[in-house]
Amino acid sequence: MQQQSARLETRAGEALTLQGVRFTGTLRGTLFEAELEQRFANPFERHVELVYSFPLPWAAVLLGVEVRIGERCLSGAVIEKKQAEQGYEDALAEGNTAILLEQNFDGSYTLNLGNLAPGET
């Protein structure tokens, strides 16, 4: 069964409010390439790890993910799962902001964003 809606919350299950969304796309023959930008901020007085789970429409392909925090841009590469998880945990332990994207068994995705500082968008 495929997940029907997106969820954005902290690792502890606290909900976050989406501040804005922008959707753009280009149609090239039978291919529609879309870009979705979603904006949110850390409203808490502490660093948090965010968990964003989302489905894709039928037959859609995820081409990439980019996270912008202020002027910083985080993106990644496809690597072996254990190596990706270890790199993510190591970055968090060093106090760095990091992302980890995984495809779930139902075809949906989960993006972890760790060490988002208070007030960061």
PDB file of N, CA and C in Angstrom:
ATOM      1  N   MET A   1       0.838  -1.171   0.000  1.00  0.00           N
ATOM      2  CA  MET A   1       0.000   0.000   0.000  1.00  0.00           C
ATOM      3  C   MET A   1       0.889   1.243   0.000  1.00  0.00           C
ATOM      4  N   GLN A   2       0.640   2.193  -0.883  1.00  0.00           N
ATOM      5  CA  GLN A   2       1.471   3.381  -0.994  1.00  0.00           C
ATOM      6  C   GLN A   2       0.967   4.474  -0.054  1.00  0.00           C
ATOM      7  N   GLN A   3       1.902   5.185   0.556  1.00  0.00           N
ATOM      8  CA  GLN A   3       1.589   6.301   1.433  1.00  0.00           C
ATOM      9  C   GLN A   3       0.814   7.349   0.642  1.00  0.00           C
ATOM     10  N   GLN A   4      -0.242   7.911   1.206  1.00  0.00           N
ATOM     11  CA  GLN A   4      -1.114   8.828   0.484  1.00  0.00           C
ATOM     12  C   GLN A   4      -0.801  10.302   0.696  1.00  0.00           C
ATOM     13  N   SER A   5      -0.073  10.665   1.743  1.00  0.00           N
ATOM     14  CA  SER A   5       0.206  12.076   1.982  1.00  0.00           C
ATOM     15  C   SER A   5       1.605  12.247   2.570  1.00  0.00           C
ATOM     16  N   ALA A   6       2.109  13.457   2.455  1.00  0.00           N
ATOM     17  CA  ALA A   6       3.435  13.771   2.984  1.00  0.00           C
ATOM     18  C   ALA A   6       3.329  14.062   4.481  1.00  0.00           C
ATOM     19  N   ARG A   7       4.425  13.800   5.214  1.00  0.00           N
ATOM     20  CA  ARG A   7       4.494  14.105   6.646  1.00  0.00           C
ATOM     21  C   ARG A   7       5.818  14.802   6.916  1.00  0.00           C
ATOM     22  N   LEU A   8       5.758  15.884   7.676  1.00  0.00           N
ATOM     23  CA  LEU A   8       6.958  16.617   8.086  1.00  0.00           C
ATOM     24  C   LEU A   8       6.894  16.769   9.594  1.00  0.00           C
ATOM     25  N   GLU A   9       7.871  16.167  10.279  1.00  0.00           N
ATOM     26  CA  GLU A   9       7.886  16.216  11.737  1.00  0.00           C
ATOM     27  C   GLU A   9       9.314  16.043  12.234  1.00  0.00           C
ATOM     28  N   THR A  10       9.508  16.321  13.517  1.00  0.00           N
ATOM     29  CA  THR A  10      10.824  16.078  14.109  1.00  0.00           C
ATOM     30  C   THR A  10      10.961  14.590  14.380  1.00  0.00           C
ATOM     31  N   ARG A  11      12.168  14.159  14.676  1.00  0.00           N
ATOM     32  CA  ARG A  11      12.415  12.750  15.014  1.00  0.00           C
ATOM     33  C   ARG A  11      11.527  12.337  16.192  1.00  0.00           C
ATOM     34  N   ALA A  12      11.199  13.291  17.091  1.00  0.00           N
ATOM     35  CA  ALA A  12      10.365  13.013  18.266  1.00  0.00           C
ATOM     36  C   ALA A  12       8.871  13.035  17.937  1.00  0.00           C
ATOM     37  N   GLY A  13       8.501  13.308  16.677  1.00  0.00           N
ATOM     38  CA  GLY A  13       7.105  13.298  16.282  1.00  0.00           C
ATOM     39  C   GLY A  13       6.390  14.637  16.364  1.00  0.00           C
ATOM     40  N   GLU A  14       7.124  15.726  16.616  1.00  0.00           N
ATOM     41  CA  GLU A  14       6.513  17.059  16.690  1.00  0.00           C
ATOM     42  C   GLU A  14       6.299  17.587  15.272  1.00  0.00           C
ATOM     43  N   ALA A  15       5.082  18.025  14.991  1.00  0.00           N
ATOM     44  CA  ALA A  15       4.744  18.510  13.649  1.00  0.00           C
ATOM     45  C   ALA A  15       5.360  19.874  13.375  1.00  0.00           C
ATOM     46  N   LEU A  16       5.715  20.118  12.125  1.00  0.00           N
ATOM     47  CA  LEU A  16       6.194  21.417  11.679  1.00  0.00           C
ATOM     48  C   LEU A  16       5.202  21.969  10.664  1.00  0.00           C
ATOM     49  N   THR A  17       5.164  23.287  10.560  1.00  0.00           N
ATOM     50  CA  THR A  17       4.242  23.935   9.640  1.00  0.00           C
ATOM     51  C   THR A  17       4.967  24.307   8.363  1.00  0.00           C
ATOM     52  N   LEU A  18       4.384  23.952   7.261  1.00  0.00           N
ATOM     53  CA  LEU A  18       4.905  24.331   5.948  1.00  0.00           C
ATOM     54  C   LEU A  18       4.625  25.821   5.756  1.00  0.00           C
ATOM     55  N   GLN A  19       5.635  26.603   5.417  1.00  0.00           N
ATOM     56  CA  GLN A  19       5.481  28.049   5.265  1.00  0.00           C
ATOM     57  C   GLN A  19       5.153  28.472   3.848  1.00  0.00           C
ATOM     58  N   GLY A  20       5.494  27.658   2.883  1.00  0.00           N
ATOM     59  CA  GLY A  20       5.212  28.005   1.495  1.00  0.00           C
ATOM     60  C   GLY A  20       5.607  26.891   0.556  1.00  0.00           C
ATOM     61  N   VAL A  21       4.990  26.917  -0.624  1.00  0.00           N
ATOM     62  CA  VAL A  21       5.253  25.909  -1.646  1.00  0.00           C
ATOM     63  C   VAL A  21       5.309  26.602  -3.000  1.00  0.00           C
ATOM     64  N   ARG A  22       6.240  26.158  -3.843  1.00  0.00           N
ATOM     65  CA  ARG A  22       6.309  26.635  -5.224  1.00  0.00           C
ATOM     66  C   ARG A  22       6.498  25.413  -6.112  1.00  0.00           C
ATOM     67  N   PHE A  23       5.692  25.343  -7.167  1.00  0.00           N
ATOM     68  CA  PHE A  23       5.740  24.219  -8.094  1.00  0.00           C
ATOM     69  C   PHE A  23       5.929  24.772  -9.495  1.00  0.00           C
ATOM     70  N   THR A  24       6.942  24.281 -10.197  1.00  0.00           N
ATOM     71  CA  THR A  24       7.173  24.678 -11.587  1.00  0.00           C
ATOM     72  C   THR A  24       7.400  23.413 -12.404  1.00  0.00           C
ATOM     73  N   GLY A  25       7.174  23.523 -13.705  1.00  0.00           N
ATOM     74  CA  GLY A  25       7.379  22.351 -14.540  1.00  0.00           C
ATOM     75  C   GLY A  25       7.550  22.708 -15.999  1.00  0.00           C
ATOM     76  N   THR A  26       8.099  21.759 -16.740  1.00  0.00           N
ATOM     77  CA  THR A  26       8.323  21.909 -18.171  1.00  0.00           C
ATOM     78  C   THR A  26       7.836  20.645 -18.863  1.00  0.00           C
ATOM     79  N   LEU A  27       7.044  20.824 -19.907  1.00  0.00           N
ATOM     80  CA  LEU A  27       6.557  19.703 -20.696  1.00  0.00           C
ATOM     81  C   LEU A  27       7.409  19.585 -21.951  1.00  0.00           C
ATOM     82  N   ARG A  28       8.020  18.398 -22.137  1.00  0.00           N
ATOM     83  CA  ARG A  28       8.852  18.116 -23.316  1.00  0.00           C
ATOM     84  C   ARG A  28       8.315  16.845 -23.962  1.00  0.00           C
ATOM     85  N   GLY A  29       7.466  17.026 -24.951  1.00  0.00           N
ATOM     86  CA  GLY A  29       6.838  15.860 -25.585  1.00  0.00           C
ATOM     87  C   GLY A  29       5.924  15.183 -24.588  1.00  0.00           C
ATOM     88  N   THR A  30       6.227  13.917 -24.257  1.00  0.00           N
ATOM     89  CA  THR A  30       5.414  13.188 -23.281  1.00  0.00           C
ATOM     90  C   THR A  30       6.039  13.185 -21.885  1.00  0.00           C
ATOM     91  N   LEU A  31       7.140  13.910 -21.714  1.00  0.00           N
ATOM     92  CA  LEU A  31       7.827  13.968 -20.426  1.00  0.00           C
ATOM     93  C   LEU A  31       7.537  15.297 -19.743  1.00  0.00           C
ATOM     94  N   PHE A  32       7.058  15.244 -18.507  1.00  0.00           N
ATOM     95  CA  PHE A  32       6.832  16.448 -17.713  1.00  0.00           C
ATOM     96  C   PHE A  32       7.852  16.447 -16.581  1.00  0.00           C
ATOM     97  N   GLU A  33       8.726  17.448 -16.586  1.00  0.00           N
ATOM     98  CA  GLU A  33       9.734  17.566 -15.533  1.00  0.00           C
ATOM     99  C   GLU A  33       9.270  18.646 -14.566  1.00  0.00           C
ATOM    100  N   ALA A  34       9.122  18.275 -13.299  1.00  0.00           N
ATOM    101  CA  ALA A  34       8.587  19.188 -12.288  1.00  0.00           C
ATOM    102  C   ALA A  34       9.616  19.464 -11.202  1.00  0.00           C
ATOM    103  N   GLU A  35       9.536  20.634 -10.627  1.00  0.00           N
ATOM    104  CA  GLU A  35      10.356  21.011  -9.485  1.00  0.00           C
ATOM    105  C   GLU A  35       9.426  21.515  -8.399  1.00  0.00           C
ATOM    106  N   LEU A  36       9.581  20.972  -7.209  1.00  0.00           N
ATOM    107  CA  LEU A  36       8.744  21.337  -6.081  1.00  0.00           C
ATOM    108  C   LEU A  36       9.624  21.915  -4.988  1.00  0.00           C
ATOM    109  N   GLU A  37       9.340  23.132  -4.584  1.00  0.00           N
ATOM    110  CA  GLU A  37      10.068  23.787  -3.491  1.00  0.00           C
ATOM    111  C   GLU A  37       9.114  23.932  -2.315  1.00  0.00           C
ATOM    112  N   GLN A  38       9.556  23.466  -1.154  1.00  0.00           N
ATOM    113  CA  GLN A  38       8.750  23.579   0.062  1.00  0.00           C
ATOM    114  C   GLN A  38       9.592  24.286   1.114  1.00  0.00           C
ATOM    115  N   ARG A  39       9.003  25.272   1.785  1.00  0.00           N
ATOM    116  CA  ARG A  39       9.735  26.063   2.773  1.00  0.00           C
ATOM    117  C   ARG A  39       9.160  25.845   4.168  1.00  0.00           C
ATOM    118  N   PHE A  40      10.061  25.660   5.122  1.00  0.00           N
ATOM    119  CA  PHE A  40       9.668  25.520   6.518  1.00  0.00           C
ATOM    120  C   PHE A  40      10.821  26.002   7.380  1.00  0.00           C
ATOM    121  N   ALA A  41      10.552  26.203   8.672  1.00  0.00           N
ATOM    122  CA  ALA A  41      11.565  26.680   9.612  1.00  0.00           C
ATOM    123  C   ALA A  41      11.514  25.851  10.885  1.00  0.00           C
ATOM    124  N   ASN A  42      12.621  25.837  11.594  1.00  0.00           N
ATOM    125  CA  ASN A  42      12.676  25.189  12.904  1.00  0.00           C
ATOM    126  C   ASN A  42      12.140  26.175  13.935  1.00  0.00           C
ATOM    127  N   PRO A  43      10.936  25.946  14.481  1.00  0.00           N
ATOM    128  CA  PRO A  43      10.358  26.877  15.447  1.00  0.00           C
ATOM    129  C   PRO A  43      10.807  26.631  16.882  1.00  0.00           C
ATOM    130  N   PHE A  44      11.613  25.611  17.094  1.00  0.00           N
ATOM    131  CA  PHE A  44      11.993  25.216  18.441  1.00  0.00           C
ATOM    132  C   PHE A  44      13.259  25.945  18.905  1.00  0.00           C
ATOM    133  N   GLU A  45      13.510  25.905  20.184  1.00  0.00           N
ATOM    134  CA  GLU A  45      14.675  26.570  20.794  1.00  0.00           C
ATOM    135  C   GLU A  45      15.879  25.636  20.847  1.00  0.00           C
ATOM    136  N   ARG A  46      15.865  24.608  20.043  1.00  0.00           N
ATOM    137  CA  ARG A  46      16.944  23.612  20.044  1.00  0.00           C
ATOM    138  C   ARG A  46      17.169  23.108  18.615  1.00  0.00           C
ATOM    139  N   HIS A  47      18.328  22.505  18.407  1.00  0.00           N
ATOM    140  CA  HIS A  47      18.583  21.839  17.129  1.00  0.00           C
ATOM    141  C   HIS A  47      17.646  20.636  17.028  1.00  0.00           C
ATOM    142  N   VAL A  48      17.161  20.364  15.828  1.00  0.00           N
ATOM    143  CA  VAL A  48      16.266  19.231  15.638  1.00  0.00           C
ATOM    144  C   VAL A  48      16.692  18.411  14.432  1.00  0.00           C
ATOM    145  N   GLU A  49      16.230  17.172  14.421  1.00  0.00           N
ATOM    146  CA  GLU A  49      16.339  16.325  13.239  1.00  0.00           C
ATOM    147  C   GLU A  49      14.941  16.222  12.658  1.00  0.00           C
ATOM    148  N   LEU A  50      14.791  16.609  11.404  1.00  0.00           N
ATOM    149  CA  LEU A  50      13.496  16.550  10.740  1.00  0.00           C
ATOM    150  C   LEU A  50      13.383  15.271   9.939  1.00  0.00           C
ATOM    151  N   VAL A  51      12.171  14.760   9.865  1.00  0.00           N
ATOM    152  CA  VAL A  51      11.876  13.579   9.066  1.00  0.00           C
ATOM    153  C   VAL A  51      10.732  13.958   8.133  1.00  0.00           C
ATOM    154  N   TYR A  52      11.011  13.925   6.840  1.00  0.00           N
ATOM    155  CA  TYR A  52      10.021  14.278   5.829  1.00  0.00           C
ATOM    156  C   TYR A  52       9.756  13.047   4.980  1.00  0.00           C
ATOM    157  N   SER A  53       8.554  12.521   5.080  1.00  0.00           N
ATOM    158  CA  SER A  53       8.166  11.339   4.295  1.00  0.00           C
ATOM    159  C   SER A  53       7.168  11.778   3.242  1.00  0.00           C
ATOM    160  N   PHE A  54       7.359  11.296   2.010  1.00  0.00           N
ATOM    161  CA  PHE A  54       6.482  11.739   0.928  1.00  0.00           C
ATOM    162  C   PHE A  54       6.356  10.677  -0.157  1.00  0.00           C
ATOM    163  N   PRO A  55       5.162  10.589  -0.760  1.00  0.00           N
ATOM    164  CA  PRO A  55       4.964   9.695  -1.896  1.00  0.00           C
ATOM    165  C   PRO A  55       5.259  10.439  -3.186  1.00  0.00           C
ATOM    166  N   LEU A  56       5.390   9.698  -4.261  1.00  0.00           N
ATOM    167  CA  LEU A  56       5.467  10.279  -5.602  1.00  0.00           C
ATOM    168  C   LEU A  56       4.260   9.792  -6.389  1.00  0.00           C
ATOM    169  N   PRO A  57       3.805  10.564  -7.360  1.00  0.00           N
ATOM    170  CA  PRO A  57       2.707  10.091  -8.203  1.00  0.00           C
ATOM    171  C   PRO A  57       3.117   8.836  -8.967  1.00  0.00           C
ATOM    172  N   TRP A  58       2.133   8.095  -9.409  1.00  0.00           N
ATOM    173  CA  TRP A  58       2.379   6.886 -10.183  1.00  0.00           C
ATOM    174  C   TRP A  58       3.274   7.196 -11.384  1.00  0.00           C
ATOM    175  N   ALA A  59       4.259   6.370 -11.635  1.00  0.00           N
ATOM    176  CA  ALA A  59       5.193   6.450 -12.753  1.00  0.00           C
ATOM    177  C   ALA A  59       6.176   7.619 -12.647  1.00  0.00           C
ATOM    178  N   ALA A  60       6.161   8.349 -11.549  1.00  0.00           N
ATOM    179  CA  ALA A  60       7.114   9.447 -11.364  1.00  0.00           C
ATOM    180  C   ALA A  60       8.472   8.885 -10.956  1.00  0.00           C
ATOM    181  N   VAL A  61       9.531   9.613 -11.293  1.00  0.00           N
ATOM    182  CA  VAL A  61      10.893   9.226 -10.951  1.00  0.00           C
ATOM    183  C   VAL A  61      11.551  10.397 -10.222  1.00  0.00           C
ATOM    184  N   LEU A  62      12.114  10.133  -9.061  1.00  0.00           N
ATOM    185  CA  LEU A  62      12.813  11.168  -8.310  1.00  0.00           C
ATOM    186  C   LEU A  62      14.205  11.333  -8.912  1.00  0.00           C
ATOM    187  N   LEU A  63      14.500  12.523  -9.426  1.00  0.00           N
ATOM    188  CA  LEU A  63      15.781  12.771 -10.087  1.00  0.00           C
ATOM    189  C   LEU A  63      16.826  13.364  -9.158  1.00  0.00           C
ATOM    190  N   GLY A  64      16.392  13.975  -8.074  1.00  0.00           N
ATOM    191  CA  GLY A  64      17.356  14.563  -7.151  1.00  0.00           C
ATOM    192  C   GLY A  64      16.666  15.307  -6.032  1.00  0.00           C
ATOM    193  N   VAL A  65      17.438  15.607  -5.014  1.00  0.00           N
ATOM    194  CA  VAL A  65      16.967  16.372  -3.865  1.00  0.00           C
ATOM    195  C   VAL A  65      18.039  17.381  -3.513  1.00  0.00           C
ATOM    196  N   GLU A  66      17.598  18.585  -3.241  1.00  0.00           N
ATOM    197  CA  GLU A  66      18.517  19.647  -2.827  1.00  0.00           C
ATOM    198  C   GLU A  66      17.887  20.339  -1.634  1.00  0.00           C
ATOM    199  N   VAL A  67      18.669  20.542  -0.584  1.00  0.00           N
ATOM    200  CA  VAL A  67      18.194  21.224   0.619  1.00  0.00           C
ATOM    201  C   VAL A  67      19.000  22.505   0.774  1.00  0.00           C
ATOM    202  N   ARG A  68      18.301  23.628   0.869  1.00  0.00           N
ATOM    203  CA  ARG A  68      18.950  24.926   1.094  1.00  0.00           C
ATOM    204  C   ARG A  68      18.642  25.394   2.506  1.00  0.00           C
ATOM    205  N   ILE A  69      19.708  25.696   3.232  1.00  0.00           N
ATOM    206  CA  ILE A  69      19.586  26.239   4.582  1.00  0.00           C
ATOM    207  C   ILE A  69      20.353  27.546   4.565  1.00  0.00           C
ATOM    208  N   GLY A  70      19.623  28.657   4.533  1.00  0.00           N
ATOM    209  CA  GLY A  70      20.272  29.949   4.352  1.00  0.00           C
ATOM    210  C   GLY A  70      20.990  29.950   3.014  1.00  0.00           C
ATOM    211  N   GLU A  71      22.280  30.211   3.029  1.00  0.00           N
ATOM    212  CA  GLU A  71      23.082  30.227   1.802  1.00  0.00           C
ATOM    213  C   GLU A  71      23.733  28.874   1.487  1.00  0.00           C
ATOM    214  N   ARG A  72      23.610  27.928   2.405  1.00  0.00           N
ATOM    215  CA  ARG A  72      24.206  26.601   2.214  1.00  0.00           C
ATOM    216  C   ARG A  72      23.281  25.710   1.399  1.00  0.00           C
ATOM    217  N   CYS A  73      23.865  24.855   0.595  1.00  0.00           N
ATOM    218  CA  CYS A  73      23.098  23.923  -0.226  1.00  0.00           C
ATOM    219  C   CYS A  73      23.617  22.507   0.048  1.00  0.00           C
ATOM    220  N   LEU A  74      22.702  21.605   0.415  1.00  0.00           N
ATOM    221  CA  LEU A  74      23.064  20.215   0.651  1.00  0.00           C
ATOM    222  C   LEU A  74      22.446  19.357  -0.448  1.00  0.00           C
ATOM    223  N   SER A  75      23.255  18.514  -1.041  1.00  0.00           N
ATOM    224  CA  SER A  75      22.756  17.540  -2.013  1.00  0.00           C
ATOM    225  C   SER A  75      23.577  16.280  -1.805  1.00  0.00           C
ATOM    226  N   GLY A  76      23.191  15.218  -2.462  1.00  0.00           N
ATOM    227  CA  GLY A  76      23.886  13.972  -2.189  1.00  0.00           C
ATOM    228  C   GLY A  76      24.106  13.144  -3.425  1.00  0.00           C
ATOM    229  N   ALA A  77      24.631  11.972  -3.181  1.00  0.00           N
ATOM    230  CA  ALA A  77      24.897  11.002  -4.233  1.00  0.00           C
ATOM    231  C   ALA A  77      24.384   9.652  -3.766  1.00  0.00           C
ATOM    232  N   VAL A  78      24.092   8.780  -4.706  1.00  0.00           N
ATOM    233  CA  VAL A  78      23.630   7.437  -4.375  1.00  0.00           C
ATOM    234  C   VAL A  78      24.841   6.602  -3.956  1.00  0.00           C
ATOM    235  N   ILE A  79      24.770   6.069  -2.726  1.00  0.00           N
ATOM    236  CA  ILE A  79      25.822   5.186  -2.229  1.00  0.00           C
ATOM    237  C   ILE A  79      25.160   4.042  -1.456  1.00  0.00           C
ATOM    238  N   GLU A  80      25.926   3.056  -1.112  1.00  0.00           N
ATOM    239  CA  GLU A  80      25.434   1.897  -0.376  1.00  0.00           C
ATOM    240  C   GLU A  80      24.793   2.350   0.936  1.00  0.00           C
ATOM    241  N   LYS A  81      23.688   1.726   1.316  1.00  0.00           N
ATOM    242  CA  LYS A  81      22.870   2.166   2.450  1.00  0.00           C
ATOM    243  C   LYS A  81      23.648   2.263   3.768  1.00  0.00           C
ATOM    244  N   LYS A  82      24.404   1.244   4.115  1.00  0.00           N
ATOM    245  CA  LYS A  82      25.145   1.274   5.385  1.00  0.00           C
ATOM    246  C   LYS A  82      26.163   2.406   5.397  1.00  0.00           C
ATOM    247  N   GLN A  83      26.820   2.630   4.278  1.00  0.00           N
ATOM    248  CA  GLN A  83      27.795   3.709   4.171  1.00  0.00           C
ATOM    249  C   GLN A  83      27.092   5.072   4.300  1.00  0.00           C
ATOM    250  N   ALA A  84      25.932   5.208   3.673  1.00  0.00           N
ATOM    251  CA  ALA A  84      25.169   6.469   3.749  1.00  0.00           C
ATOM    252  C   ALA A  84      24.723   6.737   5.174  1.00  0.00           C
ATOM    253  N   GLU A  85      24.192   5.722   5.843  1.00  0.00           N
ATOM    254  CA  GLU A  85      23.731   5.896   7.226  1.00  0.00           C
ATOM    255  C   GLU A  85      24.890   6.258   8.151  1.00  0.00           C
ATOM    256  N   GLN A  86      26.039   5.622   7.959  1.00  0.00           N
ATOM    257  CA  GLN A  86      27.208   5.913   8.808  1.00  0.00           C
ATOM    258  C   GLN A  86      27.705   7.337   8.568  1.00  0.00           C
ATOM    259  N   GLY A  87      27.766   7.749   7.305  1.00  0.00           N
ATOM    260  CA  GLY A  87      28.195   9.111   6.994  1.00  0.00           C
ATOM    261  C   GLY A  87      27.266  10.154   7.586  1.00  0.00           C
ATOM    262  N   TYR A  88      25.961   9.882   7.540  1.00  0.00           N
ATOM    263  CA  TYR A  88      24.956  10.786   8.114  1.00  0.00           C
ATOM    264  C   TYR A  88      25.153  10.895   9.631  1.00  0.00           C
ATOM    265  N   GLU A  89      25.260   9.753  10.299  1.00  0.00           N
ATOM    266  CA  GLU A  89      25.448   9.745  11.758  1.00  0.00           C
ATOM    267  C   GLU A  89      26.757  10.410  12.160  1.00  0.00           C
ATOM    268  N   ASP A  90      27.823  10.183  11.395  1.00  0.00           N
ATOM    269  CA  ASP A  90      29.111  10.821  11.687  1.00  0.00           C
ATOM    270  C   ASP A  90      29.006  12.341  11.566  1.00  0.00           C
ATOM    271  N   ALA A  91      28.331  12.828  10.521  1.00  0.00           N
ATOM    272  CA  ALA A  91      28.165  14.275  10.324  1.00  0.00           C
ATOM    273  C   ALA A  91      27.402  14.882  11.490  1.00  0.00           C
ATOM    274  N   LEU A  92      26.338  14.218  11.936  1.00  0.00           N
ATOM    275  CA  LEU A  92      25.560  14.736  13.059  1.00  0.00           C
ATOM    276  C   LEU A  92      26.391  14.751  14.340  1.00  0.00           C
ATOM    277  N   ALA A  93      27.165  13.693  14.566  1.00  0.00           N
ATOM    278  CA  ALA A  93      27.999  13.611  15.765  1.00  0.00           C
ATOM    279  C   ALA A  93      29.050  14.720  15.796  1.00  0.00           C
ATOM    280  N   GLU A  94      29.483  15.167  14.608  1.00  0.00           N
ATOM    281  CA  GLU A  94      30.454  16.260  14.523  1.00  0.00           C
ATOM    282  C   GLU A  94      29.788  17.627  14.612  1.00  0.00           C
ATOM    283  N   GLY A  95      28.447  17.655  14.734  1.00  0.00           N
ATOM    284  CA  GLY A  95      27.723  18.918  14.841  1.00  0.00           C
ATOM    285  C   GLY A  95      27.367  19.551  13.515  1.00  0.00           C
ATOM    286  N   ASN A  96      27.529  18.807  12.419  1.00  0.00           N
ATOM    287  CA  ASN A  96      27.216  19.323  11.084  1.00  0.00           C
ATOM    288  C   ASN A  96      25.763  19.044  10.720  1.00  0.00           C
ATOM    289  N   THR A  97      25.243  19.829   9.801  1.00  0.00           N
ATOM    290  CA  THR A  97      23.931  19.565   9.227  1.00  0.00           C
ATOM    291  C   THR A  97      24.121  18.545   8.110  1.00  0.00           C
ATOM    292  N   ALA A  98      23.202  17.584   8.020  1.00  0.00           N
ATOM    293  CA  ALA A  98      23.334  16.532   7.010  1.00  0.00           C
ATOM    294  C   ALA A  98      21.957  16.072   6.553  1.00  0.00           C
ATOM    295  N   ILE A  99      21.924  15.465   5.359  1.00  0.00           N
ATOM    296  CA  ILE A  99      20.684  14.875   4.850  1.00  0.00           C
ATOM    297  C   ILE A  99      20.914  13.414   4.510  1.00  0.00           C
ATOM    298  N   LEU A 100      19.828  12.644   4.606  1.00  0.00           N
ATOM    299  CA  LEU A 100      19.842  11.232   4.228  1.00  0.00           C
ATOM    300  C   LEU A 100      18.501  10.942   3.574  1.00  0.00           C
ATOM    301  N   LEU A 101      18.503  10.482   2.337  1.00  0.00           N
ATOM    302  CA  LEU A 101      17.292  10.163   1.603  1.00  0.00           C
ATOM    303  C   LEU A 101      17.238   8.663   1.349  1.00  0.00           C
ATOM    304  N   GLU A 102      16.094   8.055   1.678  1.00  0.00           N
ATOM    305  CA  GLU A 102      15.912   6.622   1.463  1.00  0.00           C
ATOM    306  C   GLU A 102      14.584   6.366   0.774  1.00  0.00           C
ATOM    307  N   GLN A 103      14.568   5.385  -0.131  1.00  0.00           N
ATOM    308  CA  GLN A 103      13.311   4.947  -0.716  1.00  0.00           C
ATOM    309  C   GLN A 103      12.750   3.844   0.168  1.00  0.00           C
ATOM    310  N   ASN A 104      11.466   3.956   0.515  1.00  0.00           N
ATOM    311  CA  ASN A 104      10.812   2.991   1.393  1.00  0.00           C
ATOM    312  C   ASN A 104      10.262   1.807   0.591  1.00  0.00           C
ATOM    313  N   PHE A 105       9.916   0.742   1.284  1.00  0.00           N
ATOM    314  CA  PHE A 105       9.422  -0.471   0.631  1.00  0.00           C
ATOM    315  C   PHE A 105       8.168  -0.225  -0.199  1.00  0.00           C
ATOM    316  N   ASP A 106       7.370   0.794   0.158  1.00  0.00           N
ATOM    317  CA  ASP A 106       6.122   1.070  -0.563  1.00  0.00           C
ATOM    318  C   ASP A 106       6.307   2.042  -1.723  1.00  0.00           C
ATOM    319  N   GLY A 107       7.558   2.416  -2.020  1.00  0.00           N
ATOM    320  CA  GLY A 107       7.832   3.346  -3.117  1.00  0.00           C
ATOM    321  C   GLY A 107       7.871   4.799  -2.698  1.00  0.00           C
ATOM    322  N   SER A 108       7.466   5.112  -1.468  1.00  0.00           N
ATOM    323  CA  SER A 108       7.570   6.482  -0.968  1.00  0.00           C
ATOM    324  C   SER A 108       9.022   6.742  -0.558  1.00  0.00           C
ATOM    325  N   TYR A 109       9.306   7.971  -0.143  1.00  0.00           N
ATOM    326  CA  TYR A 109      10.663   8.349   0.263  1.00  0.00           C
ATOM    327  C   TYR A 109      10.643   8.969   1.650  1.00  0.00           C
ATOM    328  N   THR A 110      11.775   8.878   2.334  1.00  0.00           N
ATOM    329  CA  THR A 110      11.959   9.549   3.612  1.00  0.00           C
ATOM    330  C   THR A 110      13.280  10.306   3.556  1.00  0.00           C
ATOM    331  N   LEU A 111      13.198  11.608   3.855  1.00  0.00           N
ATOM    332  CA  LEU A 111      14.378  12.471   3.915  1.00  0.00           C
ATOM    333  C   LEU A 111      14.592  12.855   5.364  1.00  0.00           C
ATOM    334  N   ASN A 112      15.777  12.551   5.905  1.00  0.00           N
ATOM    335  CA  ASN A 112      16.159  13.009   7.237  1.00  0.00           C
ATOM    336  C   ASN A 112      17.067  14.210   7.063  1.00  0.00           C
ATOM    337  N   LEU A 113      16.802  15.242   7.848  1.00  0.00           N
ATOM    338  CA  LEU A 113      17.626  16.451   7.867  1.00  0.00           C
ATOM    339  C   LEU A 113      18.027  16.678   9.304  1.00  0.00           C
ATOM    340  N   GLY A 114      19.309  16.466   9.608  1.00  0.00           N
ATOM    341  CA  GLY A 114      19.777  16.536  10.984  1.00  0.00           C
ATOM    342  C   GLY A 114      20.514  17.811  11.316  1.00  0.00           C
ATOM    343  N   ASN A 115      20.360  18.233  12.561  1.00  0.00           N
ATOM    344  CA  ASN A 115      21.038  19.409  13.131  1.00  0.00           C
ATOM    345  C   ASN A 115      20.552  20.730  12.534  1.00  0.00           C
ATOM    346  N   LEU A 116      19.256  20.863  12.312  1.00  0.00           N
ATOM    347  CA  LEU A 116      18.709  22.143  11.874  1.00  0.00           C
ATOM    348  C   LEU A 116      18.618  23.047  13.104  1.00  0.00           C
ATOM    349  N   ALA A 117      19.292  24.169  13.063  1.00  0.00           N
ATOM    350  CA  ALA A 117      19.387  25.070  14.215  1.00  0.00           C
ATOM    351  C   ALA A 117      18.088  25.826  14.455  1.00  0.00           C
ATOM    352  N   PRO A 118      17.884  26.330  15.674  1.00  0.00           N
ATOM    353  CA  PRO A 118      16.679  27.104  15.977  1.00  0.00           C
ATOM    354  C   PRO A 118      16.528  28.286  15.011  1.00  0.00           C
ATOM    355  N   GLY A 119      15.344  28.429  14.443  1.00  0.00           N
ATOM    356  CA  GLY A 119      15.049  29.534  13.545  1.00  0.00           C
ATOM    357  C   GLY A 119      15.523  29.352  12.126  1.00  0.00           C
ATOM    358  N   GLU A 120      16.343  28.344  11.836  1.00  0.00           N
ATOM    359  CA  GLU A 120      16.813  28.134  10.465  1.00  0.00           C
ATOM    360  C   GLU A 120      15.651  27.734   9.575  1.00  0.00           C
ATOM    361  N   THR A 121      15.701  28.224   8.316  1.00  0.00           N
ATOM    362  CA  THR A 121      14.647  27.895   7.359  1.00  0.00           C
ATOM    363  C   THR A 121      15.219  27.064   6.234  1.00  0.00           C
TER     364      THR A 121
END
